Amino acid sequence: MPHSVFISYVYEEKPFKDTVAKWIQGQRLGSDVVVTYERSDVRQHGETEIRNHLRPLIQGCAAVLVLVGDVSHSRKWIDYEVSVAQSLHKVIIPVRLPNSRGGLPREIAGVPEVTFEPNAIATTLRNRLG
């Protein structure tokens, strides 16, 4: 049975999200892992629409990869995605982006980070998802 993984990221770090999505599509994170992320920009429709768009995506996933860069710890929507994931008891895996020093979102400050590398992420997913 496939495990769906939601990728939480800030727009400025979209190239890293694209890399993780390629790793998933190329089965580098496991043959049973599929990617879920927001595919359309609904920001112009307001906060309620954003929340209504994100929650079902997170609800349908097995795990949330939070791409942690220099500014992700201070972004409202990263906090929202993490909060929703926690409320739904999803596996949350912070992935440290290369050459970044920003903190983790405060809700997951104690969660161990994973290196931005496909084998490290794949191993963590296998260990956390079973």
Protein backbone atom coordinates (compact mmCIF):
# COMPACT_ATOMS: atom_id res chain seq x y z
CA MET A 1 0.00 0.00 0.00
CA PRO A 2 1.49 3.37 -0.98
CA HIS A 3 2.37 6.02 1.56
CA SER A 4 1.45 9.55 0.52
CA VAL A 5 3.89 12.24 1.64
CA PHE A 6 2.91 15.92 1.84
CA ILE A 7 5.76 18.38 1.26
CA SER A 8 5.55 21.54 3.36
CA TYR A 9 7.80 24.33 2.05
CA VAL A 10 8.07 28.08 1.56
CA TYR A 11 7.77 29.37 -1.98
CA GLU A 12 11.31 30.75 -2.04
CA GLU A 13 12.58 27.20 -1.53
CA LYS A 14 10.43 25.63 -4.25
CA PRO A 15 13.45 24.18 -6.13
CA PHE A 16 14.09 21.94 -3.08
CA LYS A 17 10.45 20.81 -3.07
CA ASP A 18 10.80 20.02 -6.76
CA THR A 19 13.90 17.93 -6.03
CA VAL A 20 12.13 15.92 -3.33
CA ALA A 21 9.14 15.40 -5.66
CA LYS A 22 11.52 14.07 -8.34
CA TRP A 23 13.12 11.74 -5.81
CA ILE A 24 9.68 10.41 -4.90
CA GLN A 25 8.58 10.07 -8.52
CA GLY A 26 11.84 8.26 -9.30
CA GLN A 27 11.20 5.93 -6.34
CA ARG A 28 14.38 7.05 -4.59
CA LEU A 29 12.43 7.35 -1.32
CA GLY A 30 10.84 3.93 -1.79
CA SER A 31 8.63 2.24 -4.32
CA ASP A 32 5.62 2.70 -2.04
CA VAL A 33 5.97 6.49 -1.55
CA VAL A 34 3.89 8.98 -3.53
CA VAL A 35 4.04 12.77 -3.37
CA THR A 36 1.33 15.19 -2.31
CA TYR A 37 1.75 18.95 -2.32
CA GLU A 38 -0.24 21.99 -3.24
CA ARG A 39 -0.41 22.10 -7.00
CA SER A 40 -2.38 25.29 -7.39
CA ASP A 41 -1.95 28.74 -5.93
CA VAL A 42 -5.13 29.73 -4.09
CA ARG A 43 -3.60 32.61 -2.11
CA GLN A 44 -5.55 35.23 -4.05
CA HIS A 45 -8.80 33.71 -2.70
CA GLY A 46 -7.97 34.42 0.93
CA GLU A 47 -7.06 32.54 4.09
CA THR A 48 -10.20 30.43 4.32
CA GLU A 49 -9.63 29.09 0.82
CA ILE A 50 -5.99 28.34 1.63
CA ARG A 51 -7.00 26.41 4.75
CA ASN A 52 -9.73 24.55 2.83
CA HIS A 53 -7.17 23.65 0.16
CA LEU A 54 -4.37 22.47 2.48
CA ARG A 55 -6.25 20.51 5.14
CA PRO A 56 -7.54 17.70 2.85
CA LEU A 57 -4.09 17.29 1.32
CA ILE A 58 -2.56 16.80 4.75
CA GLN A 59 -5.47 14.67 5.93
CA GLY A 60 -4.92 12.24 3.05
CA CYS A 61 -1.19 11.78 3.60
CA ALA A 62 0.76 9.40 5.81
CA ALA A 63 3.62 11.79 6.55
CA VAL A 64 4.59 15.44 6.22
CA LEU A 65 8.09 16.42 5.14
CA VAL A 66 8.77 19.93 6.42
CA LEU A 67 11.55 21.50 4.37
CA VAL A 68 13.51 23.56 6.90
CA GLY A 69 15.51 26.43 5.46
CA ASP A 70 16.45 29.88 6.62
CA VAL A 71 12.92 31.29 6.95
CA SER A 72 10.51 28.35 7.29
CA HIS A 73 10.37 28.68 11.09
CA SER A 74 8.72 32.09 10.80
CA ARG A 75 6.15 31.37 8.11
CA LYS A 76 2.46 31.32 8.97
CA TRP A 77 1.48 28.60 6.50
CA ILE A 78 4.29 26.26 7.52
CA ASP A 79 3.01 26.65 11.10
CA TYR A 80 -0.53 25.93 9.89
CA GLU A 81 0.52 22.81 7.96
CA VAL A 82 2.49 21.49 10.95
CA SER A 83 -0.43 22.23 13.29
CA VAL A 84 -2.89 20.38 11.04
CA ALA A 85 -0.49 17.43 10.72
CA GLN A 86 -0.13 17.26 14.50
CA SER A 87 -3.88 17.44 15.05
CA LEU A 88 -4.33 14.52 12.63
CA HIS A 89 -1.48 12.54 14.25
CA LYS A 90 0.60 12.46 11.06
CA VAL A 91 4.28 11.57 11.00
CA ILE A 92 6.23 14.84 10.72
CA ILE A 93 9.78 14.78 9.43
CA PRO A 94 11.82 18.00 9.34
CA VAL A 95 14.28 17.95 6.44
CA ARG A 96 17.22 20.37 6.75
CA LEU A 97 17.95 22.19 3.50
CA PRO A 98 21.61 22.49 2.48
CA ASN A 99 23.52 25.50 3.80
CA SER A 100 20.59 26.76 5.86
CA ARG A 101 20.57 27.77 9.51
CA GLY A 102 16.97 28.68 10.27
CA GLY A 103 15.22 27.16 13.24
CA LEU A 104 12.50 24.57 13.21
CA PRO A 105 8.89 25.70 13.49
CA ARG A 106 8.26 25.92 17.24
CA GLU A 107 5.64 23.14 17.19
CA ILE A 108 8.32 20.62 16.14
CA ALA A 109 11.36 22.14 17.82
CA GLY A 110 12.28 18.84 19.48
CA VAL A 111 11.87 16.60 16.43
CA PRO A 112 15.19 15.33 15.01
CA GLU A 113 16.07 16.75 11.60
CA VAL A 114 16.91 14.65 8.57
CA THR A 115 19.57 15.60 6.03
CA PHE A 116 18.38 16.73 2.59
CA GLU A 117 19.48 13.51 0.94
CA PRO A 118 17.25 10.78 -0.55
CA ASN A 119 18.70 7.84 1.40
CA ALA A 120 18.39 9.66 4.74
CA ILE A 121 14.79 10.65 4.02
CA ALA A 122 13.91 7.15 2.74
CA THR A 123 15.36 5.51 5.85
CA THR A 124 13.45 7.87 8.14
CA LEU A 125 10.21 7.28 6.26
CA ARG A 126 10.64 3.50 6.49
CA ASN A 127 11.42 3.69 10.21
CA ARG A 128 8.56 6.04 11.04
CA LEU A 129 5.87 4.58 8.74
CA GLY A 130 6.69 0.92 9.20
